[in-house]
């Protein structure tokens, strides 16, 4: 919502914080229409990359059997 309302800097910081805390919304970052205004920012590309890494790590851990 922040990005949609023109608060791109705050939105990008909030997204970075969420990813750092394990919320790996990679698909949402790519497709959420409310983020359209933020996608052109260079910082967004880095967040997308970090989100993808976070998602891959999660999926890798989930796929491993527990002892």
N, C-alpha and C. Protein backbone atom coordinates (compact mmCIF):
# COMPACT_ATOMS: atom_id res chain seq x y z
N UNK A 1 0.81 -1.17 0.00
CA UNK A 1 0.00 0.00 0.00
C UNK A 1 0.87 1.26 0.00
N UNK A 2 1.97 1.19 0.75
CA UNK A 2 2.86 2.35 0.82
C UNK A 2 3.41 2.70 -0.56
N UNK A 3 3.84 1.70 -1.31
CA UNK A 3 4.39 1.95 -2.64
C UNK A 3 3.33 2.55 -3.55
N UNK A 4 2.13 2.02 -3.48
CA UNK A 4 1.04 2.50 -4.30
C UNK A 4 0.71 3.96 -4.01
N UNK A 5 0.86 4.34 -2.74
CA UNK A 5 0.55 5.72 -2.32
C UNK A 5 1.74 6.66 -2.49
N UNK A 6 2.80 6.19 -3.13
CA UNK A 6 3.94 7.04 -3.41
C UNK A 6 5.03 7.05 -2.35
N UNK A 7 4.87 6.28 -1.31
CA UNK A 7 5.86 6.19 -0.24
C UNK A 7 6.85 5.06 -0.53
N UNK A 8 7.55 5.18 -1.66
CA UNK A 8 8.40 4.09 -2.14
C UNK A 8 9.55 3.77 -1.20
N UNK A 9 10.19 4.79 -0.65
CA UNK A 9 11.32 4.55 0.25
C UNK A 9 10.89 3.76 1.48
N UNK A 10 9.79 4.16 2.07
CA UNK A 10 9.28 3.47 3.26
C UNK A 10 8.86 2.05 2.88
N UNK A 11 8.20 1.91 1.74
CA UNK A 11 7.76 0.59 1.29
C UNK A 11 8.95 -0.34 1.08
N UNK A 12 10.00 0.15 0.46
CA UNK A 12 11.16 -0.69 0.21
C UNK A 12 11.85 -1.09 1.51
N UNK A 13 11.90 -0.19 2.48
CA UNK A 13 12.48 -0.53 3.79
C UNK A 13 11.62 -1.58 4.49
N UNK A 14 10.32 -1.46 4.39
CA UNK A 14 9.42 -2.43 5.02
C UNK A 14 9.57 -3.81 4.37
N UNK A 15 9.70 -3.83 3.06
CA UNK A 15 9.89 -5.10 2.35
C UNK A 15 11.22 -5.72 2.75
N UNK A 16 12.28 -4.92 2.80
CA UNK A 16 13.59 -5.43 3.20
C UNK A 16 13.53 -6.01 4.62
N UNK A 17 12.86 -5.33 5.52
CA UNK A 17 12.73 -5.81 6.89
C UNK A 17 11.97 -7.14 6.94
N UNK A 18 10.91 -7.24 6.16
CA UNK A 18 10.13 -8.48 6.13
C UNK A 18 10.97 -9.64 5.61
N UNK A 19 11.72 -9.41 4.56
CA UNK A 19 12.58 -10.46 4.00
C UNK A 19 13.63 -10.86 5.02
N UNK A 20 14.24 -9.89 5.69
CA UNK A 20 15.25 -10.19 6.72
C UNK A 20 14.69 -11.05 7.85
N UNK A 21 13.39 -10.92 8.08
CA UNK A 21 12.75 -11.68 9.15
C UNK A 21 12.15 -13.00 8.65
N UNK A 22 12.43 -13.34 7.37
CA UNK A 22 12.01 -14.64 6.85
C UNK A 22 10.73 -14.64 6.04
N UNK A 23 10.15 -13.49 5.77
CA UNK A 23 8.96 -13.45 4.92
C UNK A 23 9.44 -13.30 3.48
N UNK A 24 9.50 -14.42 2.78
CA UNK A 24 10.13 -14.49 1.45
C UNK A 24 9.08 -14.42 0.36
N UNK A 25 8.42 -13.32 0.21
CA UNK A 25 7.30 -13.17 -0.72
C UNK A 25 7.78 -12.89 -2.14
N UNK A 26 8.60 -13.78 -2.66
CA UNK A 26 9.18 -13.57 -4.00
C UNK A 26 8.10 -13.42 -5.07
N UNK A 27 7.13 -14.31 -5.08
CA UNK A 27 6.06 -14.25 -6.09
C UNK A 27 5.26 -12.95 -5.94
N UNK A 28 4.98 -12.57 -4.71
CA UNK A 28 4.24 -11.35 -4.47
C UNK A 28 5.00 -10.12 -4.94
N UNK A 29 6.31 -10.12 -4.72
CA UNK A 29 7.12 -9.00 -5.18
C UNK A 29 7.05 -8.86 -6.70
N UNK A 30 6.97 -9.97 -7.38
CA UNK A 30 6.93 -9.94 -8.84
C UNK A 30 5.57 -9.52 -9.39
N UNK A 31 4.49 -9.90 -8.70
CA UNK A 31 3.17 -9.78 -9.31
C UNK A 31 2.17 -8.85 -8.63
N UNK A 32 2.46 -8.43 -7.42
CA UNK A 32 1.49 -7.59 -6.70
C UNK A 32 1.34 -6.24 -7.42
N UNK A 33 0.14 -5.92 -7.88
CA UNK A 33 -0.06 -4.66 -8.62
C UNK A 33 0.20 -3.43 -7.76
N UNK A 34 0.10 -3.54 -6.45
CA UNK A 34 0.36 -2.39 -5.58
C UNK A 34 1.84 -2.02 -5.54
N UNK A 35 2.70 -2.92 -5.99
CA UNK A 35 4.14 -2.65 -6.01
C UNK A 35 4.63 -2.15 -7.37
N UNK A 36 3.73 -1.96 -8.31
CA UNK A 36 4.12 -1.56 -9.67
C UNK A 36 4.96 -0.29 -9.69
N UNK A 37 4.63 0.68 -8.85
CA UNK A 37 5.36 1.95 -8.85
C UNK A 37 6.77 1.80 -8.27
N UNK A 38 7.01 0.78 -7.49
CA UNK A 38 8.32 0.57 -6.86
C UNK A 38 9.24 -0.30 -7.71
N UNK A 39 8.69 -1.07 -8.63
CA UNK A 39 9.50 -2.02 -9.40
C UNK A 39 10.58 -1.37 -10.25
N UNK A 40 10.45 -0.13 -10.60
CA UNK A 40 11.46 0.55 -11.41
C UNK A 40 12.67 1.01 -10.62
N UNK A 41 12.61 0.95 -9.33
CA UNK A 41 13.72 1.39 -8.49
C UNK A 41 14.83 0.34 -8.47
N UNK A 42 16.06 0.80 -8.45
CA UNK A 42 17.19 -0.14 -8.43
C UNK A 42 17.18 -0.98 -7.15
N UNK A 43 16.73 -0.40 -6.05
CA UNK A 43 16.66 -1.13 -4.79
C UNK A 43 15.70 -2.30 -4.88
N UNK A 44 14.68 -2.16 -5.69
CA UNK A 44 13.68 -3.22 -5.82
C UNK A 44 14.31 -4.47 -6.43
N UNK A 45 15.18 -4.29 -7.41
CA UNK A 45 15.85 -5.44 -8.03
C UNK A 45 16.65 -6.22 -7.00
N UNK A 46 17.31 -5.50 -6.10
CA UNK A 46 18.07 -6.17 -5.04
C UNK A 46 17.14 -6.90 -4.08
N UNK A 47 16.02 -6.29 -3.74
CA UNK A 47 15.05 -6.95 -2.86
C UNK A 47 14.49 -8.20 -3.52
N UNK A 48 14.24 -8.13 -4.80
CA UNK A 48 13.74 -9.29 -5.53
C UNK A 48 14.75 -10.43 -5.48
N UNK A 49 16.01 -10.10 -5.67
CA UNK A 49 17.07 -11.10 -5.60
C UNK A 49 17.17 -11.70 -4.19
N UNK A 50 17.12 -10.85 -3.19
CA UNK A 50 17.19 -11.32 -1.81
C UNK A 50 15.97 -12.18 -1.47
N UNK A 51 14.81 -11.78 -1.96
CA UNK A 51 13.59 -12.55 -1.74
C UNK A 51 13.66 -13.92 -2.39
N UNK A 52 14.24 -13.99 -3.57
CA UNK A 52 14.39 -15.28 -4.27
C UNK A 52 15.35 -16.18 -3.48
N UNK A 53 16.45 -15.63 -3.00
CA UNK A 53 17.39 -16.42 -2.20
C UNK A 53 16.72 -16.93 -0.93
N UNK A 54 15.97 -16.06 -0.29
CA UNK A 54 15.24 -16.43 0.93
C UNK A 54 14.26 -17.57 0.63
N UNK A 55 13.53 -17.47 -0.46
CA UNK A 55 12.57 -18.51 -0.84
C UNK A 55 13.29 -19.82 -1.14
N UNK A 56 14.38 -19.75 -1.87
CA UNK A 56 15.14 -20.97 -2.20
C UNK A 56 15.66 -21.64 -0.95
N UNK A 57 16.17 -20.86 0.00
CA UNK A 57 16.65 -21.42 1.27
C UNK A 57 15.53 -22.11 2.03
N UNK A 58 14.37 -21.46 2.07
CA UNK A 58 13.22 -22.04 2.75
C UNK A 58 12.81 -23.36 2.11
N UNK A 59 12.70 -23.37 0.79
CA UNK A 59 12.29 -24.59 0.09
C UNK A 59 13.30 -25.71 0.26
N UNK A 60 14.58 -25.34 0.28
CA UNK A 60 15.62 -26.34 0.48
C UNK A 60 15.51 -26.97 1.87
N UNK A 61 15.30 -26.15 2.89
CA UNK A 61 15.16 -26.65 4.24
C UNK A 61 13.90 -27.49 4.39
N UNK A 62 12.85 -27.09 3.75
CA UNK A 62 11.58 -27.81 3.84
C UNK A 62 11.67 -29.18 3.19
N UNK A 63 12.51 -29.29 2.15
CA UNK A 63 12.64 -30.55 1.41
C UNK A 63 13.48 -31.59 2.17
N UNK A 64 14.32 -31.14 3.09
CA UNK A 64 15.16 -32.06 3.85
C UNK A 64 14.34 -32.80 4.90
N UNK A 65 14.51 -34.11 4.97
CA UNK A 65 13.79 -34.87 6.00
C UNK A 65 14.35 -34.55 7.39
N UNK A 66 13.48 -34.51 8.37
CA UNK A 66 13.92 -34.27 9.73
C UNK A 66 14.36 -35.59 10.36
N UNK A 67 15.41 -35.54 11.17
CA UNK A 67 15.90 -36.79 11.78
C UNK A 67 14.99 -37.32 12.85
